[in-house]
Amino acid sequence: MLARWPLQGQSPAEGAEVREMWELPRPSAGSRATRVVLTLALVWATVAVPLTVWLALRTPPPEPVPATRTPSVLEAAALRYAGQTLSTGPVTLASTVTTATARLEVQETADPSHAVSYGKVRSGTQTAELLVIGTRVLLRGDSAFWSSVGVPTAEPGWIEVGDRLGRIPFPLSEAITALGADKVEVNTPAAGSDTMTARIGNLVADFNAAGVSALTVRGRSAAVTRAPADAPARVSAVAGSDPAAAKLVGASGSLTVSAPPAPEPPPVPAPGS
């Protein structure tokens, strides 16, 4: 049992003296402050020394690579060569045209040097043949295809559609012209990638070791691949043709097909022939 002061028979003054003899001295305010400072110094030394060593020995981060830059002399020459290659021979393009009435997937083999292309146009599960001869854009499909694009017709032959179903041919000539421009910016390929992207006005062109792999002109994109082996012969056949065709007329939502022109009568033989 702990003793209580003053003990029985002691005066309050005597009890206080005895209590002071047994109690430990209380730390002063100054000693408490010293302890706090020493504790903080120990913590800071524990953290600061490794941090200082790491900051001194770490490798500085590499400078960021600019998003775009001016092409090198070799890259600029490759761009010009790609444009020349596209302009002198057939190439296959895969693109999409979206209008208010249909979404058309276009697969065409185009030759700008002859201003022609041939291929197929798909609308949903329906497919039509495509011919482009100069400024003429012709499609040939069955009634199911024409119904899928909102045109009620059973015309089995070629129909000249113009741009009433959207601009079906990819604007390859515009892309080729842009590739020859002087103001070009290219990106630095990502690590492990061999594709470089060039931006020239309204054109974005992707390149790899095989040449141009994709083109985007004013928001319309096309994958670019090598034309099939028989492309030159087919291009020559298309360039030398002039098929009779019906014509798509009217506006979106009310498109109709006019009959193809009647064939010209055979020449009248000369008398006595």
C-alpha atoms as a PDB file:
ATOM      1  CA  MET A   1       0.000   0.000   0.000  1.00  0.00           C
ATOM      2  CA  LEU A   2       1.443   3.345  -1.005  1.00  0.00           C
ATOM      3  CA  ALA A   3       2.107   5.837   1.705  1.00  0.00           C
ATOM      4  CA  ARG A   4       0.265   9.108   1.667  1.00  0.00           C
ATOM      5  CA  TRP A   5       1.760  12.353   2.820  1.00  0.00           C
ATOM      6  CA  PRO A   6       1.520  13.771   5.373  1.00  0.00           C
ATOM      7  CA  LEU A   7       1.713  10.601   7.423  1.00  0.00           C
ATOM      8  CA  GLN A   8      -0.188  10.375  10.622  1.00  0.00           C
ATOM      9  CA  GLY A   9       1.451  12.611  13.108  1.00  0.00           C
ATOM     10  CA  GLN A  10       3.286  14.681  10.476  1.00  0.00           C
ATOM     11  CA  SER A  11       2.587  18.232   9.651  1.00  0.00           C
ATOM     12  CA  PRO A  12       1.864  19.184   6.045  1.00  0.00           C
ATOM     13  CA  ALA A  13       5.279  20.806   5.771  1.00  0.00           C
ATOM     14  CA  GLU A  14       7.040  17.692   6.994  1.00  0.00           C
ATOM     15  CA  GLY A  15       5.048  15.523   4.556  1.00  0.00           C
ATOM     16  CA  ALA A  16       6.042  17.708   1.611  1.00  0.00           C
ATOM     17  CA  GLU A  17       9.713  17.418   2.475  1.00  0.00           C
ATOM     18  CA  VAL A  18       9.510  13.618   2.654  1.00  0.00           C
ATOM     19  CA  ARG A  19       7.611  13.449  -0.711  1.00  0.00           C
ATOM     20  CA  GLU A  20      10.213  15.544  -2.475  1.00  0.00           C
ATOM     21  CA  MET A  21      12.911  13.160  -1.217  1.00  0.00           C
ATOM     22  CA  TRP A  22      11.240  10.148  -2.934  1.00  0.00           C
ATOM     23  CA  GLU A  23       9.937  11.661  -6.230  1.00  0.00           C
ATOM     24  CA  LEU A  24      12.150  11.743  -9.360  1.00  0.00           C
ATOM     25  CA  PRO A  25      12.943  15.170 -10.683  1.00  0.00           C
ATOM     26  CA  ARG A  26      10.731  16.295 -13.616  1.00  0.00           C
ATOM     27  CA  PRO A  27      12.471  17.223 -16.885  1.00  0.00           C
ATOM     28  CA  SER A  28      12.617  20.900 -17.574  1.00  0.00           C
ATOM     29  CA  ALA A  29      11.074  22.547 -20.667  1.00  0.00           C
ATOM     30  CA  GLY A  30      14.543  23.070 -22.126  1.00  0.00           C
ATOM     31  CA  SER A  31      15.514  19.410 -21.865  1.00  0.00           C
ATOM     32  CA  ARG A  32      12.245  18.351 -23.518  1.00  0.00           C
ATOM     33  CA  ALA A  33      12.908  20.693 -26.439  1.00  0.00           C
ATOM     34  CA  THR A  34      16.415  19.296 -26.790  1.00  0.00           C
ATOM     35  CA  ARG A  35      15.058  15.753 -27.017  1.00  0.00           C
ATOM     36  CA  VAL A  36      12.597  16.768 -29.775  1.00  0.00           C
ATOM     37  CA  VAL A  37      15.353  18.436 -31.788  1.00  0.00           C
ATOM     38  CA  LEU A  38      17.638  15.406 -31.465  1.00  0.00           C
ATOM     39  CA  THR A  39      14.835  13.044 -32.557  1.00  0.00           C
ATOM     40  CA  LEU A  40      14.038  15.135 -35.644  1.00  0.00           C
ATOM     41  CA  ALA A  41      17.715  15.348 -36.540  1.00  0.00           C
ATOM     42  CA  LEU A  42      18.067  11.573 -36.329  1.00  0.00           C
ATOM     43  CA  VAL A  43      15.022  11.018 -38.582  1.00  0.00           C
ATOM     44  CA  TRP A  44      16.250  13.561 -41.143  1.00  0.00           C
ATOM     45  CA  ALA A  45      19.710  11.974 -41.247  1.00  0.00           C
ATOM     46  CA  THR A  46      18.148   8.553 -41.838  1.00  0.00           C
ATOM     47  CA  VAL A  47      16.124   9.862 -44.832  1.00  0.00           C
ATOM     48  CA  ALA A  48      18.349  12.578 -46.248  1.00  0.00           C
ATOM     49  CA  VAL A  49      21.593  10.655 -46.646  1.00  0.00           C
ATOM     50  CA  PRO A  50      20.193   7.921 -48.975  1.00  0.00           C
ATOM     51  CA  LEU A  51      18.175  10.552 -50.875  1.00  0.00           C
ATOM     52  CA  THR A  52      21.264  12.691 -51.421  1.00  0.00           C
ATOM     53  CA  VAL A  53      23.276   9.695 -52.648  1.00  0.00           C
ATOM     54  CA  TRP A  54      20.477   8.677 -55.075  1.00  0.00           C
ATOM     55  CA  LEU A  55      20.175  12.196 -56.483  1.00  0.00           C
ATOM     56  CA  ALA A  56      23.932  12.348 -57.006  1.00  0.00           C
ATOM     57  CA  LEU A  57      24.253   8.964 -58.722  1.00  0.00           C
ATOM     58  CA  ARG A  58      21.038   8.693 -60.767  1.00  0.00           C
ATOM     59  CA  THR A  59      21.142   8.869 -64.577  1.00  0.00           C
ATOM     60  CA  PRO A  60      19.512  12.048 -65.881  1.00  0.00           C
ATOM     61  CA  PRO A  61      16.351  11.372 -67.933  1.00  0.00           C
ATOM     62  CA  PRO A  62      16.733  11.629 -71.717  1.00  0.00           C
ATOM     63  CA  GLU A  63      15.441  14.733 -73.416  1.00  0.00           C
ATOM     64  CA  PRO A  64      11.901  14.245 -74.774  1.00  0.00           C
ATOM     65  CA  VAL A  65      11.677  13.462 -78.481  1.00  0.00           C
ATOM     66  CA  PRO A  66       9.617  16.061 -80.367  1.00  0.00           C
ATOM     67  CA  ALA A  67       6.250  14.802 -81.640  1.00  0.00           C
ATOM     68  CA  THR A  68       7.018  16.004 -85.164  1.00  0.00           C
ATOM     69  CA  ARG A  69      10.103  17.257 -86.929  1.00  0.00           C
ATOM     70  CA  THR A  70      11.463  18.196 -90.326  1.00  0.00           C
ATOM     71  CA  PRO A  71      12.482  15.085 -92.294  1.00  0.00           C
ATOM     72  CA  SER A  72      16.112  14.348 -92.949  1.00  0.00           C
ATOM     73  CA  VAL A  73      17.464  14.564 -96.490  1.00  0.00           C
ATOM     74  CA  LEU A  74      17.166  10.784 -96.849  1.00  0.00           C
ATOM     75  CA  GLU A  75      13.594  10.751 -95.492  1.00  0.00           C
ATOM     76  CA  ALA A  76      12.545  13.597 -97.806  1.00  0.00           C
ATOM     77  CA  ALA A  77      13.956  11.689-100.776  1.00  0.00           C
ATOM     78  CA  ALA A  78      12.024   8.578 -99.700  1.00  0.00           C
ATOM     79  CA  LEU A  79       8.794  10.600 -99.567  1.00  0.00           C
ATOM     80  CA  ARG A  80       9.315  11.919-103.085  1.00  0.00           C
ATOM     81  CA  TYR A  81      10.130   8.437-104.367  1.00  0.00           C
ATOM     82  CA  ALA A  82       6.960   7.061-102.752  1.00  0.00           C
ATOM     83  CA  GLY A  83       4.890   9.688-104.525  1.00  0.00           C
ATOM     84  CA  GLN A  84       6.511   8.853-107.859  1.00  0.00           C
ATOM     85  CA  THR A  85       5.888   5.131-107.312  1.00  0.00           C
ATOM     86  CA  LEU A  86       2.198   5.713-106.588  1.00  0.00           C
ATOM     87  CA  SER A  87       1.804   7.876-109.680  1.00  0.00           C
ATOM     88  CA  THR A  88       3.371   5.496-112.199  1.00  0.00           C
ATOM     89  CA  GLY A  89       1.717   2.144-111.533  1.00  0.00           C
ATOM     90  CA  PRO A  90      -1.362   0.427-110.126  1.00  0.00           C
ATOM     91  CA  VAL A  91      -1.882   0.158-106.380  1.00  0.00           C
ATOM     92  CA  THR A  92      -4.696  -1.406-104.341  1.00  0.00           C
ATOM     93  CA  LEU A  93      -6.635   0.765-101.877  1.00  0.00           C
ATOM     94  CA  ALA A  94      -9.159  -0.250 -99.221  1.00  0.00           C
ATOM     95  CA  SER A  95     -11.316   2.552 -97.814  1.00  0.00           C
ATOM     96  CA  THR A  96     -14.792   3.342 -96.520  1.00  0.00           C
ATOM     97  CA  VAL A  97     -17.400   5.879 -97.636  1.00  0.00           C
ATOM     98  CA  THR A  98     -20.206   6.770 -95.237  1.00  0.00           C
ATOM     99  CA  THR A  99     -23.292   8.670 -96.397  1.00  0.00           C
ATOM    100  CA  ALA A 100     -26.773   9.285 -95.049  1.00  0.00           C
ATOM    101  CA  THR A 101     -28.080   6.220 -96.881  1.00  0.00           C
ATOM    102  CA  ALA A 102     -25.243   3.685 -96.758  1.00  0.00           C
ATOM    103  CA  ARG A 103     -21.804   2.685 -95.568  1.00  0.00           C
ATOM    104  CA  LEU A 104     -19.744   1.498 -98.520  1.00  0.00           C
ATOM    105  CA  GLU A 105     -16.534  -0.523 -98.246  1.00  0.00           C
ATOM    106  CA  VAL A 106     -14.458   0.182-101.343  1.00  0.00           C
ATOM    107  CA  GLN A 107     -11.712  -2.139-102.610  1.00  0.00           C
ATOM    108  CA  GLU A 108     -10.137  -0.696-105.762  1.00  0.00           C
ATOM    109  CA  THR A 109      -7.004  -1.067-107.820  1.00  0.00           C
ATOM    110  CA  ALA A 110      -6.159   2.377-109.150  1.00  0.00           C
ATOM    111  CA  ASP A 111      -3.679   3.644-111.716  1.00  0.00           C
ATOM    112  CA  PRO A 112      -3.429   7.458-111.701  1.00  0.00           C
ATOM    113  CA  SER A 113      -1.287   7.456-114.837  1.00  0.00           C
ATOM    114  CA  HIS A 114      -4.318   6.127-116.775  1.00  0.00           C
ATOM    115  CA  ALA A 115      -6.953   7.850-114.561  1.00  0.00           C
ATOM    116  CA  VAL A 116      -8.776   4.539-114.079  1.00  0.00           C
ATOM    117  CA  SER A 117      -9.548   2.066-111.334  1.00  0.00           C
ATOM    118  CA  TYR A 118     -11.511  -1.139-110.948  1.00  0.00           C
ATOM    119  CA  GLY A 119     -12.699  -3.161-107.983  1.00  0.00           C
ATOM    120  CA  LYS A 120     -15.695  -3.865-105.786  1.00  0.00           C
ATOM    121  CA  VAL A 121     -18.014  -1.924-103.498  1.00  0.00           C
ATOM    122  CA  ARG A 122     -19.689  -3.663-100.572  1.00  0.00           C
ATOM    123  CA  SER A 123     -22.848  -2.456 -98.824  1.00  0.00           C
ATOM    124  CA  GLY A 124     -23.605  -4.728 -95.884  1.00  0.00           C
ATOM    125  CA  THR A 125     -23.627  -8.221 -97.394  1.00  0.00           C
ATOM    126  CA  GLN A 126     -24.239  -6.990-100.954  1.00  0.00           C
ATOM    127  CA  THR A 127     -21.504  -6.347-103.514  1.00  0.00           C
ATOM    128  CA  ALA A 128     -21.258  -4.446-106.796  1.00  0.00           C
ATOM    129  CA  GLU A 129     -18.504  -4.113-109.393  1.00  0.00           C
ATOM    130  CA  LEU A 130     -16.722  -0.766-109.676  1.00  0.00           C
ATOM    131  CA  LEU A 131     -15.213   0.979-112.688  1.00  0.00           C
ATOM    132  CA  VAL A 132     -13.702   4.456-112.703  1.00  0.00           C
ATOM    133  CA  ILE A 133     -12.786   5.848-116.123  1.00  0.00           C
ATOM    134  CA  GLY A 134     -11.620   9.437-115.964  1.00  0.00           C
ATOM    135  CA  THR A 135     -14.428  11.288-114.201  1.00  0.00           C
ATOM    136  CA  ARG A 136     -16.990   8.510-114.733  1.00  0.00           C
ATOM    137  CA  VAL A 137     -17.848   6.342-111.705  1.00  0.00           C
ATOM    138  CA  LEU A 138     -19.845   3.230-112.604  1.00  0.00           C
ATOM    139  CA  LEU A 139     -21.337   0.446-110.493  1.00  0.00           C
ATOM    140  CA  ARG A 140     -22.918  -2.822-111.595  1.00  0.00           C
ATOM    141  CA  GLY A 141     -24.901  -4.855-109.095  1.00  0.00           C
ATOM    142  CA  ASP A 142     -28.158  -6.723-108.609  1.00  0.00           C
ATOM    143  CA  SER A 143     -31.399  -5.353-107.183  1.00  0.00           C
ATOM    144  CA  ALA A 144     -30.416  -6.440-103.642  1.00  0.00           C
ATOM    145  CA  PHE A 145     -27.318  -4.252-103.777  1.00  0.00           C
ATOM    146  CA  TRP A 146     -29.207  -1.243-105.090  1.00  0.00           C
ATOM    147  CA  SER A 147     -31.906  -1.719-102.482  1.00  0.00           C
ATOM    148  CA  SER A 148     -29.243  -1.672 -99.741  1.00  0.00           C
ATOM    149  CA  VAL A 149     -28.195   1.833-100.819  1.00  0.00           C
ATOM    150  CA  GLY A 150     -31.756   3.109-101.181  1.00  0.00           C
ATOM    151  CA  VAL A 151     -32.111   2.873-104.960  1.00  0.00           C
ATOM    152  CA  PRO A 152     -35.160   0.962-106.277  1.00  0.00           C
ATOM    153  CA  THR A 153     -33.957  -0.536-109.545  1.00  0.00           C
ATOM    154  CA  ALA A 154     -33.507  -3.859-111.277  1.00  0.00           C
ATOM    155  CA  GLU A 155     -31.091  -2.478-113.885  1.00  0.00           C
ATOM    156  CA  PRO A 156     -28.579  -5.300-114.499  1.00  0.00           C
ATOM    157  CA  GLY A 157     -25.965  -3.258-116.350  1.00  0.00           C
ATOM    158  CA  TRP A 158     -23.628  -0.431-115.467  1.00  0.00           C
ATOM    159  CA  ILE A 159     -25.053   2.629-113.709  1.00  0.00           C
ATOM    160  CA  GLU A 160     -23.106   5.880-113.641  1.00  0.00           C
ATOM    161  CA  VAL A 161     -23.445   7.130-110.053  1.00  0.00           C
ATOM    162  CA  GLY A 162     -21.191  10.193-109.968  1.00  0.00           C
ATOM    163  CA  ASP A 163     -20.902  11.308-106.340  1.00  0.00           C
ATOM    164  CA  ARG A 164     -24.554  10.665-105.421  1.00  0.00           C
ATOM    165  CA  LEU A 165     -23.498   7.754-103.203  1.00  0.00           C
ATOM    166  CA  GLY A 166     -20.521   9.661-101.856  1.00  0.00           C
ATOM    167  CA  ARG A 167     -17.091  10.090-103.360  1.00  0.00           C
ATOM    168  CA  ILE A 168     -16.426   6.413-104.021  1.00  0.00           C
ATOM    169  CA  PRO A 169     -12.925   6.528-105.585  1.00  0.00           C
ATOM    170  CA  PHE A 170     -10.204   7.368-103.082  1.00  0.00           C
ATOM    171  CA  PRO A 171      -8.565  10.757-103.928  1.00  0.00           C
ATOM    172  CA  LEU A 172      -5.215   9.175-104.787  1.00  0.00           C
ATOM    173  CA  SER A 173      -4.114  11.922-107.177  1.00  0.00           C
ATOM    174  CA  GLU A 174      -4.573  14.508-104.419  1.00  0.00           C
ATOM    175  CA  ALA A 175      -2.410  12.414-102.091  1.00  0.00           C
ATOM    176  CA  ILE A 176       0.315  12.070-104.729  1.00  0.00           C
ATOM    177  CA  THR A 177       0.378  15.830-105.298  1.00  0.00           C
ATOM    178  CA  ALA A 178       0.709  16.446-101.553  1.00  0.00           C
ATOM    179  CA  LEU A 179       3.641  14.020-101.292  1.00  0.00           C
ATOM    180  CA  GLY A 180       5.654  16.331-103.528  1.00  0.00           C
ATOM    181  CA  ALA A 181       5.135  19.390-101.301  1.00  0.00           C
ATOM    182  CA  ASP A 182       8.033  21.051 -99.476  1.00  0.00           C
ATOM    183  CA  LYS A 183       6.430  21.644 -96.066  1.00  0.00           C
ATOM    184  CA  VAL A 184       6.533  18.173 -94.540  1.00  0.00           C
ATOM    185  CA  GLU A 185       6.610  17.048 -90.916  1.00  0.00           C
ATOM    186  CA  VAL A 186       7.403  13.507 -89.804  1.00  0.00           C
ATOM    187  CA  ASN A 187       7.249  11.729 -86.478  1.00  0.00           C
ATOM    188  CA  THR A 188       9.928   9.625 -84.832  1.00  0.00           C
ATOM    189  CA  PRO A 189       8.852   5.952 -84.916  1.00  0.00           C
ATOM    190  CA  ALA A 190       8.147   4.345 -81.563  1.00  0.00           C
ATOM    191  CA  ALA A 191      10.606   1.780 -80.244  1.00  0.00           C
ATOM    192  CA  GLY A 192      10.206  -1.492 -82.118  1.00  0.00           C
ATOM    193  CA  SER A 193       8.148   0.091 -84.922  1.00  0.00           C
ATOM    194  CA  ASP A 194       9.296   0.557 -88.518  1.00  0.00           C
ATOM    195  CA  THR A 195       6.395   2.856 -89.457  1.00  0.00           C
ATOM    196  CA  MET A 196       6.971   6.572 -89.945  1.00  0.00           C
ATOM    197  CA  THR A 197       4.115   9.051 -90.347  1.00  0.00           C
ATOM    198  CA  ALA A 198       4.370  12.142 -92.548  1.00  0.00           C
ATOM    199  CA  ARG A 199       1.958  15.092 -92.391  1.00  0.00           C
ATOM    200  CA  ILE A 200       1.667  17.343 -95.411  1.00  0.00           C
ATOM    201  CA  GLY A 201      -1.273  19.748 -95.390  1.00  0.00           C
ATOM    202  CA  ASN A 202      -4.469  17.666 -95.628  1.00  0.00           C
ATOM    203  CA  LEU A 203      -2.486  14.431 -96.112  1.00  0.00           C
ATOM    204  CA  VAL A 204      -1.272  11.936 -93.510  1.00  0.00           C
ATOM    205  CA  ALA A 205       0.870   9.132 -94.943  1.00  0.00           C
ATOM    206  CA  ASP A 206       2.297   6.084 -93.161  1.00  0.00           C
ATOM    207  CA  PHE A 207       5.514   4.524 -94.479  1.00  0.00           C
ATOM    208  CA  ASN A 208       7.419   1.351 -93.735  1.00  0.00           C
ATOM    209  CA  ALA A 209      10.226  -0.566 -95.418  1.00  0.00           C
ATOM    210  CA  ALA A 210       7.887  -1.602 -98.263  1.00  0.00           C
ATOM    211  CA  GLY A 211       6.773   1.969 -99.009  1.00  0.00           C
ATOM    212  CA  VAL A 212       3.445   3.688 -98.357  1.00  0.00           C
ATOM    213  CA  SER A 213       1.181   1.573 -96.139  1.00  0.00           C
ATOM    214  CA  ALA A 214      -1.710   3.996 -95.479  1.00  0.00           C
ATOM    215  CA  LEU A 215      -3.021   7.346 -96.695  1.00  0.00           C
ATOM    216  CA  THR A 216      -5.493   9.774 -95.127  1.00  0.00           C
ATOM    217  CA  VAL A 217      -6.800  12.701 -97.183  1.00  0.00           C
ATOM    218  CA  ARG A 218      -9.155  15.185 -95.510  1.00  0.00           C
ATOM    219  CA  GLY A 219     -10.258  12.582 -92.969  1.00  0.00           C
ATOM    220  CA  ARG A 220     -10.719   9.671 -95.367  1.00  0.00           C
ATOM    221  CA  SER A 221      -8.264   6.816 -94.814  1.00  0.00           C
ATOM    222  CA  ALA A 222      -7.145   3.982 -97.079  1.00  0.00           C
ATOM    223  CA  ALA A 223      -4.901   0.996 -96.524  1.00  0.00           C
ATOM    224  CA  VAL A 224      -2.366   0.708 -99.358  1.00  0.00           C
ATOM    225  CA  THR A 225      -1.096  -2.637-100.647  1.00  0.00           C
ATOM    226  CA  ARG A 226       0.672  -3.940-103.722  1.00  0.00           C
ATOM    227  CA  ALA A 227      -1.562  -4.443-106.778  1.00  0.00           C
ATOM    228  CA  PRO A 228      -2.112  -8.003-108.059  1.00  0.00           C
ATOM    229  CA  ALA A 229       0.046  -9.336-110.873  1.00  0.00           C
ATOM    230  CA  ASP A 230      -2.703  -8.996-113.503  1.00  0.00           C
ATOM    231  CA  ALA A 231      -3.398  -5.353-112.616  1.00  0.00           C
ATOM    232  CA  PRO A 232      -1.548  -3.758-115.586  1.00  0.00           C
ATOM    233  CA  ALA A 233      -3.512  -5.839-118.108  1.00  0.00           C
ATOM    234  CA  ARG A 234      -6.833  -5.096-116.414  1.00  0.00           C
ATOM    235  CA  VAL A 235      -6.012  -1.394-116.173  1.00  0.00           C
ATOM    236  CA  SER A 236      -5.295  -1.280-119.906  1.00  0.00           C
ATOM    237  CA  ALA A 237      -8.604  -2.998-120.647  1.00  0.00           C
ATOM    238  CA  VAL A 238     -10.538  -0.542-118.480  1.00  0.00           C
ATOM    239  CA  ALA A 239      -8.733   2.470-119.935  1.00  0.00           C
ATOM    240  CA  GLY A 240      -9.704   1.407-123.451  1.00  0.00           C
ATOM    241  CA  SER A 241     -13.381   0.834-122.637  1.00  0.00           C
ATOM    242  CA  ASP A 242     -16.385   3.139-122.827  1.00  0.00           C
ATOM    243  CA  PRO A 243     -19.360   1.137-121.530  1.00  0.00           C
ATOM    244  CA  ALA A 244     -22.904   2.340-122.060  1.00  0.00           C
ATOM    245  CA  ALA A 245     -24.555   2.985-118.718  1.00  0.00           C
ATOM    246  CA  ALA A 246     -27.781   4.080-117.113  1.00  0.00           C
ATOM    247  CA  LYS A 247     -27.523   7.108-114.851  1.00  0.00           C
ATOM    248  CA  LEU A 248     -28.329   7.635-111.183  1.00  0.00           C
ATOM    249  CA  VAL A 249     -30.346  10.828-110.793  1.00  0.00           C
ATOM    250  CA  GLY A 250     -32.095  12.699-108.008  1.00  0.00           C
ATOM    251  CA  ALA A 251     -31.097  13.553-104.457  1.00  0.00           C
ATOM    252  CA  SER A 252     -30.450  11.392-101.412  1.00  0.00           C
ATOM    253  CA  GLY A 253     -33.685   9.719-100.344  1.00  0.00           C
ATOM    254  CA  SER A 254     -35.235   9.964-103.805  1.00  0.00           C
ATOM    255  CA  LEU A 255     -32.619   8.469-106.112  1.00  0.00           C
ATOM    256  CA  THR A 256     -33.794   6.825-109.310  1.00  0.00           C
ATOM    257  CA  VAL A 257     -32.145   5.335-112.370  1.00  0.00           C
ATOM    258  CA  SER A 258     -32.633   6.671-115.861  1.00  0.00           C
ATOM    259  CA  ALA A 259     -32.533   4.194-118.735  1.00  0.00           C
ATOM    260  CA  PRO A 260     -29.245   3.785-120.572  1.00  0.00           C
ATOM    261  CA  PRO A 261     -29.041   5.503-123.932  1.00  0.00           C
ATOM    262  CA  ALA A 262     -30.287   3.481-126.860  1.00  0.00           C
ATOM    263  CA  PRO A 263     -27.488   1.957-128.923  1.00  0.00           C
ATOM    264  CA  GLU A 264     -26.685   3.741-132.115  1.00  0.00           C
ATOM    265  CA  PRO A 265     -28.115   2.022-135.192  1.00  0.00           C
ATOM    266  CA  PRO A 266     -25.612   0.304-137.449  1.00  0.00           C
ATOM    267  CA  PRO A 267     -24.425   2.380-140.379  1.00  0.00           C
ATOM    268  CA  VAL A 268     -26.513   2.147-143.544  1.00  0.00           C
ATOM    269  CA  PRO A 269     -24.567   0.389-146.266  1.00  0.00           C
ATOM    270  CA  ALA A 270     -23.714   2.544-149.221  1.00  0.00           C
ATOM    271  CA  PRO A 271     -25.687   1.852-152.421  1.00  0.00           C
ATOM    272  CA  GLY A 272     -24.129  -0.814-154.530  1.00  0.00           C
ATOM    273  CA  SER A 273     -21.998  -2.174-151.695  1.00  0.00           C
END
